[in-house]
Amino acid sequence: MERFYPKVAIKYKIYLIIYFGFLLLISCGDNSISNVSDQNELSPIFNYYFQKEMIDSVFNQINLPGSIDFISDKYKNFNGSILFRKTIDIRDINSNYSFIVEGGIDDYDATYINGHLIGTTLIYNSPRMYTIPKDILKYGENIIEIKFHDANGFGGFKGRMYLKSGKGNVISVSGTWEYSIVGYKGSDDILFSNNPNLSINPLTWNLDLNRNLYSSYEFDDFFWDATNMPVYIKDIYNTETDLNGIFWFRKEIFIKDIDRDYLISIPKGIDDSDEIYFNGKLVGGANCFDCPRSYFIKKELLKKGKNVIAILISDTNGDGGILSPILLYETNGKTNSFSNNLSASTFINSIVSENKSTSISEEWKYKQIYDFQNISILTTSNKNVFSDDEFLYFLPNGARIEAKNIISRSLINDSFSYSNLILIFLLLIITALVTFNYKLLRKRKGKQLEESNSKKEDFIFIRTNRLNIRVLKGDILYVKAEKDYVKLVTVKKNYMIRKNLKNFNEDILDDRFIRISRYIIINVDKITLIDRNMVYLSDLRFKIGLHYAESLNKLMKK
């Protein structure tokens, strides 16, 4: 039996190589969204901006980084197109470089080295970092050119500007740049212009949004996270950049009086599109990023006691979310008194009972089900977004994208090709073989591990509500710091304990638990997936803090 294990180990390694090879094939095949980060063709946006001759026959000078708002004596608060260029000296041409603008460019840029396009970005104030292949570099003088366009508002360059080699050498490009104005953007110019993403409403597309499930009265959202209203979506996911996609929000409310109609009001609206359900029935929806929302709930939909409100939100661009507290009103029965001469607030006041509004803004459960590409949406005229103009959609690097491809399949994939099905089937077979051989390799150590684990206490005692309560460690999902307390979340119940997170971890928990941020400790045995800076416990998702990632990585390698 001793001789058998080396052979199994070799087989195990071979299976792993095949396994990861199939994973690579799946990741490369049948992806509806192509990787255009390496595109070397200029975006049609810049073809439009820079198709005319330059207004200035000579180049002037300006210091960058800085604002370009006063670059022209003729036009203050300048908006338009400018060509910037700078000559730099590079002696080490044996490695690739990166061109970096730490604070970003406002608004658009297409950047070249020696006539070769190295990157395009259509996101204002987003940091720039473009790769410069060593093959396009020259020993000595090299020319950087930036085709720049400011659509509106502030324009310019922010933060340090420099080149950084693969060896870590830095060449500053801040300082004096030459520039030539290509064109001004006037109020009557027919240029590309950004518009809110109201021209698309993905809630009307043929997507699997789980409406029947997530809006239903019976659905259990126990494992969803919770937040209070108002809230921006990027805030609940702790990201500094826009997080666009489709999201569900759910809340249980309790109603005693079911003999009258009610009204849900969100005075400052929802950004962007929404559908609102009450006990599984659609009661309203809108496609307007800042319009007030007011939806009637007929008494026939009410249940005495528990009721469920579900909100389906689509955010396609910018800061999306629910923009004000959510209020529930009892109506006075005059729901047919609407007149076109009444404002929305006057109409609401005419149908609701006095002093009968209730805030239902706390403890909304939420879940993201789709992710969107970060896009710019433009139109070829200055007319507003509700016109019949054709809208054009562009990825951040300036590449044109069709509206149907805006949705990313990183969270949901509703269809598989036959090749993917075959690969998955083979992966299942390989996984079974790997699992079988792995168990053989671990057979000896298994008994030792069981003996070691049996010696550990599998429960803790906590003090809460003046009681000492016994909690199984295996039932604990995570522990969260909340001011002077910690919230202990188990599969059965939650407990509030007067103790700070550090002391609770040191005094009560053991090495089955690991801290992943300033506020969260998780049960290692409950981890189902680690994806970059996110860790998953089944449906629960937590962000890994920068200072805690190393210890988690070490644990996973054991």
Protein backbone atom coordinates (compact mmCIF):
# COMPACT_ATOMS: atom_id res chain seq x y z
CA MET A 1 0.00 0.00 0.00
CA GLU A 2 2.93 2.34 0.67
CA ARG A 3 4.02 2.10 -2.99
CA PHE A 4 0.55 2.96 -4.23
CA TYR A 5 0.53 6.53 -2.95
CA PRO A 6 3.29 7.97 -5.21
CA LYS A 7 1.44 6.64 -8.27
CA VAL A 8 -1.79 8.20 -7.07
CA ALA A 9 0.00 11.51 -6.48
CA ILE A 10 1.25 11.54 -10.08
CA LYS A 11 -2.24 10.80 -11.36
CA TYR A 12 -3.62 13.54 -9.15
CA LYS A 13 -1.25 16.12 -10.69
CA ILE A 14 -2.15 15.00 -14.21
CA TYR A 15 -5.87 15.30 -13.46
CA LEU A 16 -5.32 18.80 -12.08
CA ILE A 17 -3.49 19.89 -15.24
CA ILE A 18 -6.32 18.56 -17.42
CA TYR A 19 -8.90 20.14 -15.10
CA PHE A 20 -7.42 23.61 -15.32
CA GLY A 21 -6.93 23.21 -19.05
CA PHE A 22 -10.66 22.64 -19.49
CA LEU A 23 -11.39 25.61 -17.25
CA LEU A 24 -9.25 27.75 -19.53
CA LEU A 25 -11.11 26.51 -22.60
CA ILE A 26 -14.45 27.36 -21.03
CA SER A 27 -13.28 30.80 -20.02
CA CYS A 28 -12.12 31.50 -23.58
CA GLY A 29 -15.06 30.03 -25.46
CA ASP A 30 -18.56 31.29 -26.21
CA ASN A 31 -18.20 34.59 -24.42
CA SER A 32 -20.74 37.07 -25.74
CA ILE A 33 -18.67 40.05 -24.62
CA SER A 34 -15.32 40.32 -26.35
CA ASN A 35 -12.23 41.69 -24.69
CA VAL A 36 -11.56 44.97 -26.46
CA SER A 37 -8.96 46.32 -24.04
CA ASP A 38 -6.23 45.58 -26.59
CA GLN A 39 -7.98 47.25 -29.52
CA ASN A 40 -5.64 49.29 -31.74
CA GLU A 41 -8.25 51.10 -33.81
CA LEU A 42 -9.29 54.65 -33.00
CA SER A 43 -12.81 55.04 -31.65
CA PRO A 44 -15.28 56.57 -34.16
CA ILE A 45 -15.86 59.29 -31.57
CA PHE A 46 -12.36 60.67 -32.13
CA ASN A 47 -12.64 60.21 -35.87
CA TYR A 48 -15.54 62.63 -35.63
CA TYR A 49 -13.88 65.14 -33.29
CA PHE A 50 -10.58 65.30 -35.17
CA GLN A 51 -11.74 65.03 -38.78
CA LYS A 52 -11.27 68.77 -39.41
CA GLU A 53 -8.09 70.80 -39.69
CA MET A 54 -6.70 72.35 -36.51
CA ILE A 55 -7.89 75.88 -35.74
CA ASP A 56 -4.41 76.93 -34.52
CA SER A 57 -1.68 76.81 -37.15
CA VAL A 58 1.05 76.68 -34.49
CA PHE A 59 1.41 74.89 -31.18
CA ASN A 60 1.28 76.84 -27.92
CA GLN A 61 2.48 75.69 -24.50
CA ILE A 62 0.68 74.73 -21.27
CA ASN A 63 1.64 73.10 -17.99
CA LEU A 64 0.03 69.75 -17.26
CA PRO A 65 -1.52 68.40 -15.12
CA GLY A 66 -4.04 71.21 -14.74
CA SER A 67 -7.27 72.72 -16.02
CA ILE A 68 -7.88 73.61 -19.68
CA ASP A 69 -10.96 75.72 -18.93
CA PHE A 70 -9.08 78.98 -19.66
CA ILE A 71 -6.87 77.68 -22.45
CA SER A 72 -8.58 79.96 -24.97
CA ASP A 73 -8.88 83.76 -24.77
CA LYS A 74 -11.87 83.56 -27.09
CA TYR A 75 -13.86 80.99 -25.10
CA LYS A 76 -13.81 80.90 -21.29
CA ASN A 77 -14.79 77.61 -19.64
CA PHE A 78 -13.53 75.90 -22.76
CA ASN A 79 -15.27 72.81 -24.13
CA GLY A 80 -14.00 71.18 -27.29
CA SER A 81 -11.12 69.25 -28.86
CA ILE A 82 -7.38 69.76 -28.31
CA LEU A 83 -4.28 67.96 -29.53
CA PHE A 84 -1.53 67.75 -26.87
CA ARG A 85 2.01 66.53 -27.55
CA LYS A 86 5.29 66.18 -25.69
CA THR A 87 8.74 64.87 -26.59
CA ILE A 88 10.39 62.63 -23.98
CA ASP A 89 13.79 60.98 -23.79
CA ILE A 90 13.85 57.20 -23.25
CA ARG A 91 17.17 55.34 -23.08
CA ASP A 92 15.99 51.95 -21.80
CA ILE A 93 13.87 50.45 -24.59
CA ASN A 94 14.24 46.81 -23.54
CA SER A 95 11.08 46.69 -21.43
CA ASN A 96 7.43 47.70 -21.74
CA TYR A 97 6.22 50.90 -20.11
CA SER A 98 2.92 52.16 -18.71
CA PHE A 99 1.58 55.66 -19.32
CA ILE A 100 -0.15 56.79 -16.12
CA VAL A 101 -2.32 59.78 -15.17
CA GLU A 102 -3.08 59.15 -11.51
CA GLY A 103 -6.04 61.51 -11.09
CA GLY A 104 -7.55 60.87 -14.49
CA ILE A 105 -8.55 62.97 -17.50
CA ASP A 106 -11.78 64.96 -17.84
CA ASP A 107 -13.38 64.05 -20.26
CA TYR A 108 -12.13 61.79 -23.13
CA ASP A 109 -8.72 60.89 -24.51
CA ALA A 110 -7.00 58.84 -27.19
CA THR A 111 -3.27 58.56 -26.39
CA TYR A 112 -0.44 57.75 -28.83
CA ILE A 113 3.28 56.98 -28.63
CA ASN A 114 5.23 57.59 -31.84
CA GLY A 115 1.99 57.48 -33.81
CA HIS A 116 0.76 54.21 -32.26
CA LEU A 117 -2.52 54.25 -30.32
CA ILE A 118 -1.91 52.87 -26.80
CA GLY A 119 -5.30 53.55 -25.17
CA THR A 120 -8.65 55.32 -25.21
CA THR A 121 -10.99 56.11 -22.32
CA LEU A 122 -14.45 57.69 -22.32
CA ILE A 123 -14.84 57.93 -18.52
CA TYR A 124 -14.16 61.33 -16.99
CA ASN A 125 -11.89 61.57 -13.91
CA SER A 126 -10.99 57.89 -14.21
CA PRO A 127 -7.24 57.19 -13.69
CA ARG A 128 -5.45 56.32 -16.92
CA MET A 129 -2.95 53.50 -17.28
CA TYR A 130 -2.05 52.40 -20.81
CA THR A 131 0.56 49.79 -21.74
CA ILE A 132 3.34 50.91 -24.11
CA PRO A 133 4.90 47.91 -25.94
CA LYS A 134 8.68 48.16 -26.16
CA ASP A 135 8.47 47.46 -29.91
CA ILE A 136 7.10 50.96 -30.62
CA LEU A 137 9.74 52.80 -28.57
CA LYS A 138 12.78 54.57 -30.02
CA TYR A 139 16.11 55.09 -28.35
CA GLY A 140 16.23 58.77 -27.42
CA GLU A 141 13.36 61.04 -28.48
CA ASN A 142 9.78 59.67 -28.39
CA ILE A 143 6.60 61.66 -28.98
CA ILE A 144 3.47 61.38 -26.84
CA GLU A 145 0.27 62.73 -28.42
CA ILE A 146 -3.10 62.98 -26.69
CA LYS A 147 -6.29 63.62 -28.63
CA PHE A 148 -8.41 65.23 -25.94
CA HIS A 149 -12.09 66.21 -25.87
CA ASP A 150 -13.97 68.04 -23.10
CA ALA A 151 -17.73 67.64 -23.56
CA ASN A 152 -18.91 69.95 -20.77
CA GLY A 153 -18.03 71.38 -17.37
CA PHE A 154 -14.51 71.20 -15.96
CA GLY A 155 -11.86 69.79 -18.24
CA GLY A 156 -8.24 68.85 -17.80
CA PHE A 157 -5.68 66.48 -16.30
CA LYS A 158 -5.43 65.55 -12.62
CA GLY A 159 -2.67 63.97 -10.55
CA ARG A 160 0.86 62.93 -11.46
CA MET A 161 1.63 62.08 -15.09
CA TYR A 162 4.50 59.68 -15.81
CA LEU A 163 5.82 56.63 -17.62
CA LYS A 164 6.79 53.58 -15.58
CA SER A 165 8.91 50.76 -16.98
CA GLY A 166 8.53 47.09 -16.18
CA LYS A 167 11.72 47.44 -14.14
CA GLY A 168 10.14 50.16 -11.99
CA ASN A 169 11.94 53.16 -13.53
CA VAL A 170 9.81 56.32 -13.65
CA ILE A 171 9.95 59.08 -16.29
CA SER A 172 7.89 62.14 -15.38
CA VAL A 173 5.83 63.70 -18.18
CA SER A 174 4.35 66.44 -15.99
CA GLY A 175 5.37 69.95 -16.94
CA THR A 176 5.36 71.78 -20.27
CA TRP A 177 3.25 70.33 -23.10
CA GLU A 178 2.54 71.72 -26.56
CA TYR A 179 -1.07 72.02 -27.63
CA SER A 180 -3.20 73.04 -30.57
CA ILE A 181 -6.95 73.66 -30.42
CA VAL A 182 -8.79 71.52 -32.97
CA GLY A 183 -12.37 72.68 -32.38
CA TYR A 184 -14.71 74.46 -30.02
CA LYS A 185 -17.99 73.00 -28.87
CA GLY A 186 -20.70 75.61 -29.32
CA SER A 187 -24.33 75.41 -28.21
CA ASP A 188 -25.41 74.87 -31.83
CA ASP A 189 -22.70 72.36 -32.70
CA ILE A 190 -23.92 68.89 -33.70
CA LEU A 191 -21.31 66.96 -31.79
CA PHE A 192 -21.51 63.75 -29.86
CA SER A 193 -22.85 64.53 -26.38
CA ASN A 194 -23.35 62.42 -23.29
CA ASN A 195 -26.93 61.72 -22.25
CA PRO A 196 -28.41 59.84 -19.28
CA ASN A 197 -28.98 56.17 -20.03
CA LEU A 198 -32.74 56.60 -20.18
CA SER A 199 -32.78 55.46 -23.79
CA ILE A 200 -32.51 51.87 -22.56
CA ASN A 201 -34.50 50.02 -19.93
CA PRO A 202 -33.14 46.48 -19.42
CA LEU A 203 -36.19 45.59 -17.30
CA THR A 204 -38.11 45.39 -20.59
CA TRP A 205 -35.57 43.03 -22.17
CA ASN A 206 -35.97 39.28 -22.33
CA LEU A 207 -33.92 38.51 -19.21
CA ASP A 208 -34.37 35.97 -16.45
CA LEU A 209 -35.00 38.39 -13.57
CA ASN A 210 -36.62 35.79 -11.24
CA ARG A 211 -39.67 38.05 -10.87
CA ASN A 212 -42.01 35.30 -9.65
CA LEU A 213 -39.49 34.03 -7.11
CA TYR A 214 -37.98 37.20 -5.64
CA SER A 215 -41.25 39.18 -5.53
CA SER A 216 -43.23 36.36 -3.93
CA TYR A 217 -44.68 36.40 -0.44
CA GLU A 218 -43.17 32.99 0.38
CA PHE A 219 -39.54 33.60 -0.71
CA ASP A 220 -36.99 33.40 2.14
CA ASP A 221 -34.39 36.18 1.84
CA PHE A 222 -32.62 35.26 5.09
CA PHE A 223 -29.15 35.12 3.50
CA TRP A 224 -29.46 38.46 1.70
CA ASP A 225 -27.66 41.47 3.14
CA ALA A 226 -29.67 44.40 4.52
CA THR A 227 -29.45 48.19 4.19
CA ASN A 228 -31.45 51.31 5.03
CA MET A 229 -32.96 53.86 2.64
CA PRO A 230 -32.04 56.18 1.02
CA VAL A 231 -28.97 54.47 -0.42
CA TYR A 232 -26.69 54.55 -3.44
CA ILE A 233 -25.91 51.10 -4.82
CA LYS A 234 -22.17 51.75 -4.90
CA ASP A 235 -22.29 52.52 -1.16
CA ILE A 236 -23.86 49.23 -0.12
CA TYR A 237 -21.15 47.36 -2.05
CA ASN A 238 -18.37 49.64 -0.68
CA THR A 239 -16.98 50.63 -4.07
CA GLU A 240 -15.77 54.08 -5.13
CA THR A 241 -16.75 53.52 -8.76
CA ASP A 242 -20.21 53.15 -10.24
CA LEU A 243 -21.73 49.68 -9.90
CA ASN A 244 -24.31 49.25 -12.64
CA GLY A 245 -26.69 46.34 -13.01
CA ILE A 246 -30.05 44.90 -11.94
CA PHE A 247 -30.86 44.56 -8.24
CA TRP A 248 -33.68 43.26 -6.06
CA PHE A 249 -34.73 44.87 -2.76
CA ARG A 250 -37.23 43.22 -0.38
CA LYS A 251 -38.87 44.14 2.92
CA GLU A 252 -41.50 42.66 5.21
CA ILE A 253 -44.05 45.09 6.66
CA PHE A 254 -46.96 44.48 9.03
CA ILE A 255 -50.42 45.94 8.39
CA LYS A 256 -53.38 45.69 10.77
CA ASP A 257 -55.99 47.72 8.88
CA ILE A 258 -56.67 45.94 5.58
CA ASP A 259 -60.00 47.65 4.84
CA ARG A 260 -58.49 50.56 2.92
CA ASP A 261 -56.04 51.16 0.07
CA TYR A 262 -52.45 52.22 0.71
CA LEU A 263 -49.87 54.22 -1.21
CA ILE A 264 -46.08 53.75 -1.45
CA SER A 265 -44.22 57.04 -1.95
CA ILE A 266 -40.54 57.65 -2.76
CA PRO A 267 -40.48 61.49 -3.01
CA LYS A 268 -37.06 61.85 -4.68
CA GLY A 269 -37.42 58.83 -6.91
CA ILE A 270 -35.28 55.89 -8.01
CA ASP A 271 -32.25 55.94 -10.29
CA ASP A 272 -32.83 54.60 -13.01
CA SER A 273 -35.73 52.16 -13.74
CA ASP A 274 -37.94 50.22 -11.34
CA GLU A 275 -40.80 47.79 -10.87
CA ILE A 276 -42.51 47.55 -7.48
CA TYR A 277 -44.34 44.42 -6.30
CA PHE A 278 -46.64 43.93 -3.32
CA ASN A 279 -47.11 40.32 -2.17
CA GLY A 280 -45.94 39.17 -5.60
CA LYS A 281 -48.23 41.46 -7.63
CA LEU A 282 -46.88 44.31 -9.77
CA VAL A 283 -48.24 47.66 -8.53
CA GLY A 284 -46.18 50.08 -10.62
CA GLY A 285 -42.97 50.95 -12.41
CA ALA A 286 -41.13 53.83 -14.08
CA ASN A 287 -38.13 54.59 -16.29
CA CYS A 288 -36.95 57.96 -14.99
CA PHE A 289 -33.77 58.56 -13.01
CA ASP A 290 -35.05 61.34 -10.70
CA CYS A 291 -38.86 61.32 -10.89
CA PRO A 292 -40.89 60.88 -7.67
CA ARG A 293 -42.53 57.47 -7.30
CA SER A 294 -46.08 56.97 -5.97
CA TYR A 295 -47.80 53.59 -6.35
CA PHE A 296 -51.23 52.48 -5.11
CA ILE A 297 -51.75 49.22 -3.25
CA LYS A 298 -55.34 48.01 -3.53
CA LYS A 299 -56.80 46.54 -0.36
CA GLU A 300 -57.46 43.28 -2.21
CA LEU A 301 -53.68 42.66 -2.19
CA LEU A 302 -53.32 43.12 1.57
CA LYS A 303 -52.82 40.39 4.15
CA LYS A 304 -53.52 40.99 7.82
CA GLY A 305 -50.14 41.03 9.50
CA LYS A 306 -47.11 40.24 7.34
CA ASN A 307 -46.86 41.70 3.81
CA VAL A 308 -43.90 41.81 1.42
CA ILE A 309 -42.75 44.71 -0.77
CA ALA A 310 -40.19 43.93 -3.51
CA ILE A 311 -38.45 46.50 -5.71
CA LEU A 312 -36.65 45.56 -8.92
CA ILE A 313 -34.13 48.24 -9.95
CA SER A 314 -32.08 48.68 -13.10
CA ASP A 315 -29.16 51.14 -13.00
CA THR A 316 -27.44 51.59 -16.35
CA ASN A 317 -25.11 54.50 -15.65
CA GLY A 318 -23.93 56.83 -12.87
CA ASP A 319 -24.91 56.70 -9.21
CA GLY A 320 -27.98 54.46 -9.05
CA GLY A 321 -30.13 53.72 -6.05
CA ILE A 322 -33.19 54.74 -4.02
CA LEU A 323 -32.86 58.47 -3.46
CA SER A 324 -35.12 59.17 -0.47
CA PRO A 325 -36.90 57.45 2.44
CA ILE A 326 -39.75 55.10 1.48
CA LEU A 327 -43.12 56.09 2.96
CA LEU A 328 -46.32 54.09 3.31
CA TYR A 329 -49.61 56.07 3.46
CA GLU A 330 -53.14 55.05 4.38
CA THR A 331 -55.54 56.49 1.81
CA ASN A 332 -58.82 58.22 2.64
CA GLY A 333 -60.74 56.49 -0.13
CA LYS A 334 -60.61 59.39 -2.61
CA THR A 335 -58.37 57.63 -5.09
CA ASN A 336 -60.45 58.74 -8.09
CA SER A 337 -60.01 62.46 -7.47
CA PHE A 338 -57.00 62.93 -9.77
CA SER A 339 -56.97 66.01 -11.98
CA ASN A 340 -54.41 67.08 -14.56
CA ASN A 341 -54.37 70.46 -12.84
CA LEU A 342 -52.99 68.94 -9.63
CA SER A 343 -49.28 68.55 -8.93
CA ALA A 344 -48.02 65.18 -7.73
CA SER A 345 -47.60 66.39 -4.13
CA THR A 346 -51.06 68.03 -4.11
CA PHE A 347 -52.62 64.87 -5.49
CA ILE A 348 -50.98 62.70 -2.80
CA ASN A 349 -52.11 65.10 -0.06
CA SER A 350 -55.67 64.90 -1.39
CA ILE A 351 -55.93 61.11 -1.10
CA VAL A 352 -53.96 60.18 2.01
CA SER A 353 -55.19 60.35 5.58
CA GLU A 354 -53.65 63.00 7.80
CA ASN A 355 -50.71 61.92 9.97
CA LYS A 356 -50.99 58.34 8.69
CA SER A 357 -47.65 58.03 6.88
CA THR A 358 -45.17 55.44 8.10
CA SER A 359 -41.50 55.25 7.15
CA ILE A 360 -40.56 51.78 5.91
CA SER A 361 -36.96 52.72 5.11
CA GLU A 362 -35.05 50.39 7.41
CA GLU A 363 -33.75 46.84 6.93
CA TRP A 364 -34.30 46.27 3.22
CA LYS A 365 -32.76 43.03 1.98
CA TYR A 366 -30.93 43.26 -1.35
CA LYS A 367 -29.30 41.09 -4.03
CA GLN A 368 -27.58 41.85 -7.35
CA ILE A 369 -28.56 39.53 -10.20
CA TYR A 370 -26.97 41.16 -13.28
CA ASP A 371 -23.91 43.30 -13.91
CA PHE A 372 -23.64 45.87 -16.71
CA GLN A 373 -20.75 47.01 -18.83
CA ASN A 374 -19.55 50.49 -17.87
CA ILE A 375 -20.60 52.42 -20.97
CA SER A 376 -20.97 55.90 -22.38
CA ILE A 377 -24.18 56.60 -24.24
CA LEU A 378 -24.16 59.27 -26.91
CA THR A 379 -26.40 60.76 -29.54
CA THR A 380 -25.53 62.56 -32.74
CA SER A 381 -27.51 65.69 -31.87
CA ASN A 382 -28.12 68.00 -28.95
CA LYS A 383 -31.75 66.91 -28.64
CA ASN A 384 -32.81 65.26 -25.41
CA VAL A 385 -32.86 61.58 -24.73
CA PHE A 386 -36.61 61.19 -25.28
CA SER A 387 -36.36 62.03 -28.99
CA ASP A 388 -36.32 59.49 -31.79
CA ASP A 389 -32.60 59.92 -32.45
CA GLU A 390 -30.36 56.91 -32.87
CA PHE A 391 -28.29 56.32 -29.76
CA LEU A 392 -24.72 55.05 -29.87
CA TYR A 393 -23.11 53.03 -27.11
CA PHE A 394 -19.38 52.91 -26.33
CA LEU A 395 -17.22 50.97 -23.90
CA PRO A 396 -14.78 52.92 -21.69
CA ASN A 397 -11.99 52.31 -24.21
CA GLY A 398 -14.02 53.94 -27.00
CA ALA A 399 -15.08 50.76 -28.81
CA ARG A 400 -18.61 50.70 -30.19
CA ILE A 401 -20.95 48.19 -28.53
CA GLU A 402 -24.47 47.10 -29.41
CA ALA A 403 -27.19 47.67 -26.80
CA LYS A 404 -27.90 43.93 -26.58
CA ASN A 405 -24.30 43.31 -25.43
CA ILE A 406 -24.29 45.87 -22.61
CA ILE A 407 -25.20 43.19 -20.06
CA SER A 408 -22.24 41.31 -18.64
CA ARG A 409 -22.63 37.60 -17.95
CA SER A 410 -20.35 37.67 -14.92
CA LEU A 411 -23.27 37.01 -12.54
CA ILE A 412 -25.75 35.14 -14.70
CA ASN A 413 -25.43 33.08 -17.86
CA ASP A 414 -28.74 31.84 -19.18
CA SER A 415 -27.46 29.82 -22.11
CA PHE A 416 -24.69 27.33 -22.80
CA SER A 417 -23.36 26.08 -26.10
CA TYR A 418 -23.05 22.36 -26.77
CA SER A 419 -19.27 22.63 -26.52
CA ASN A 420 -19.58 24.12 -23.05
CA LEU A 421 -21.94 21.35 -21.98
CA ILE A 422 -19.48 18.71 -23.17
CA LEU A 423 -16.61 20.44 -21.38
CA ILE A 424 -18.63 20.69 -18.18
CA PHE A 425 -19.52 17.00 -18.38
CA LEU A 426 -15.85 16.11 -18.78
CA LEU A 427 -14.97 18.38 -15.90
CA LEU A 428 -17.44 16.54 -13.69
CA ILE A 429 -15.77 13.22 -14.55
CA ILE A 430 -12.30 14.65 -13.87
CA THR A 431 -13.51 16.20 -10.63
CA ALA A 432 -14.83 12.84 -9.48
CA LEU A 433 -11.50 11.16 -10.29
CA VAL A 434 -9.54 13.91 -8.55
CA THR A 435 -11.78 13.67 -5.50
CA PHE A 436 -11.38 9.90 -5.33
CA ASN A 437 -7.59 10.03 -5.59
CA TYR A 438 -7.37 12.95 -3.20
CA LYS A 439 -9.25 10.94 -0.58
CA LEU A 440 -6.75 8.11 -0.98
CA LEU A 441 -3.85 10.53 -0.50
CA ARG A 442 -5.46 11.97 2.61
CA LYS A 443 -6.43 8.66 4.14
CA ARG A 444 -3.52 8.47 6.55
CA LYS A 445 -3.79 12.06 7.72
CA GLY A 446 -7.54 11.80 8.05
CA LYS A 447 -7.48 9.95 11.32
CA GLN A 448 -4.95 12.35 12.79
CA LEU A 449 -7.07 15.30 11.69
CA GLU A 450 -10.21 13.79 13.20
CA GLU A 451 -8.40 13.15 16.48
CA SER A 452 -7.12 16.75 16.49
CA ASN A 453 -10.54 18.22 15.74
CA SER A 454 -12.24 16.03 18.35
CA LYS A 455 -10.06 17.59 21.01
CA LYS A 456 -11.30 21.08 20.19
CA GLU A 457 -14.42 22.38 21.86
CA ASP A 458 -17.17 22.60 19.25
CA PHE A 459 -19.24 25.19 21.12
CA ILE A 460 -18.96 28.55 22.87
CA PHE A 461 -20.95 30.33 25.56
CA ILE A 462 -22.06 33.92 24.94
CA ARG A 463 -23.61 36.42 27.33
CA THR A 464 -26.64 38.24 25.92
CA ASN A 465 -29.88 39.54 27.44
CA ARG A 466 -28.52 38.54 30.89
CA LEU A 467 -28.36 34.92 29.81
CA ASN A 468 -25.47 32.56 29.07
CA ILE A 469 -26.30 30.88 25.78
CA ARG A 470 -24.53 27.84 24.30
CA VAL A 471 -23.82 28.24 20.55
CA LEU A 472 -22.31 25.57 18.30
CA LYS A 473 -19.27 26.87 16.41
CA GLY A 474 -20.37 24.99 13.35
CA ASP A 475 -23.60 27.05 13.27
CA ILE A 476 -21.78 30.41 13.23
CA LEU A 477 -21.68 32.14 9.82
CA TYR A 478 -19.96 35.43 10.65
CA VAL A 479 -19.44 38.06 13.36
CA LYS A 480 -19.91 41.76 12.58
CA ALA A 481 -18.78 44.78 14.63
CA GLU A 482 -21.57 47.26 15.43
CA LYS A 483 -20.29 50.14 17.61
CA ASP A 484 -19.84 48.77 21.16
CA TYR A 485 -21.41 45.42 20.25
CA VAL A 486 -20.79 42.49 17.99
CA LYS A 487 -23.53 40.84 15.97
CA LEU A 488 -23.18 37.04 15.99
CA VAL A 489 -24.97 35.58 12.94
CA THR A 490 -25.75 31.85 12.97
CA VAL A 491 -27.79 29.64 10.66
CA LYS A 492 -30.63 29.72 13.20
CA LYS A 493 -30.54 33.05 15.01
CA ASN A 494 -28.67 36.35 15.47
CA TYR A 495 -27.30 37.61 18.82
CA MET A 496 -26.10 41.05 19.96
CA ILE A 497 -23.21 40.83 22.45
CA ARG A 498 -21.71 43.76 24.32
CA LYS A 499 -18.06 43.28 23.40
CA ASN A 500 -15.75 44.76 20.78
CA LEU A 501 -14.73 42.62 17.81
CA LYS A 502 -11.05 42.34 18.75
CA ASN A 503 -11.70 41.07 22.28
CA PHE A 504 -14.47 38.74 21.11
CA ASN A 505 -12.09 37.21 18.58
CA GLU A 506 -9.24 36.77 21.07
CA ASP A 507 -11.32 35.61 24.06
CA ILE A 508 -13.92 33.34 22.47
CA LEU A 509 -13.14 32.32 18.88
CA ASP A 510 -10.42 29.93 17.67
CA ASP A 511 -8.54 29.27 14.43
CA ARG A 512 -11.73 28.13 12.65
CA PHE A 513 -12.52 31.84 12.29
CA ILE A 514 -10.60 34.50 10.41
CA ARG A 515 -10.88 38.27 10.27
CA ILE A 516 -11.31 39.61 6.71
CA SER A 517 -11.90 43.32 7.42
CA ARG A 518 -12.13 45.82 10.24
CA TYR A 519 -15.75 44.85 10.79
CA ILE A 520 -16.15 41.18 9.77
CA ILE A 521 -14.93 37.78 11.05
CA ILE A 522 -16.09 34.71 9.12
CA ASN A 523 -16.27 30.97 9.78
CA VAL A 524 -13.61 29.38 7.54
CA ASP A 525 -15.66 26.19 7.23
CA LYS A 526 -18.52 28.18 5.63
CA ILE A 527 -16.42 29.61 2.78
CA THR A 528 -17.74 28.46 -0.60
CA LEU A 529 -15.78 30.72 -2.95
CA ILE A 530 -13.01 33.33 -2.98
CA ASP A 531 -12.97 35.59 -6.06
CA ARG A 532 -10.25 38.26 -6.08
CA ASN A 533 -11.19 40.63 -3.21
CA MET A 534 -14.54 39.01 -2.43
CA VAL A 535 -15.29 35.97 -0.23
CA TYR A 536 -18.60 34.10 -0.43
CA LEU A 537 -20.45 32.12 2.23
CA SER A 538 -23.15 30.58 0.05
CA ASP A 539 -25.37 33.61 -0.83
CA LEU A 540 -23.49 35.94 1.52
CA ARG A 541 -20.77 38.14 0.01
CA PHE A 542 -18.07 40.12 1.87
CA LYS A 543 -15.26 42.37 0.67
CA ILE A 544 -11.75 41.39 1.85
CA GLY A 545 -9.81 44.29 3.40
CA LEU A 546 -6.36 45.04 1.98
CA HIS A 547 -4.63 44.40 5.32
CA TYR A 548 -6.34 41.02 5.78
CA ALA A 549 -5.94 39.48 2.32
CA GLU A 550 -2.50 37.97 3.04
CA SER A 551 -3.60 36.00 6.10
CA LEU A 552 -6.62 34.64 4.20
CA ASN A 553 -4.41 33.60 1.27
CA LYS A 554 -2.03 31.80 3.63
CA LEU A 555 -4.95 29.94 5.18
CA MET A 556 -6.22 28.80 1.77
CA LYS A 557 -2.78 27.41 0.88
CA LYS A 558 -2.68 25.08 3.91
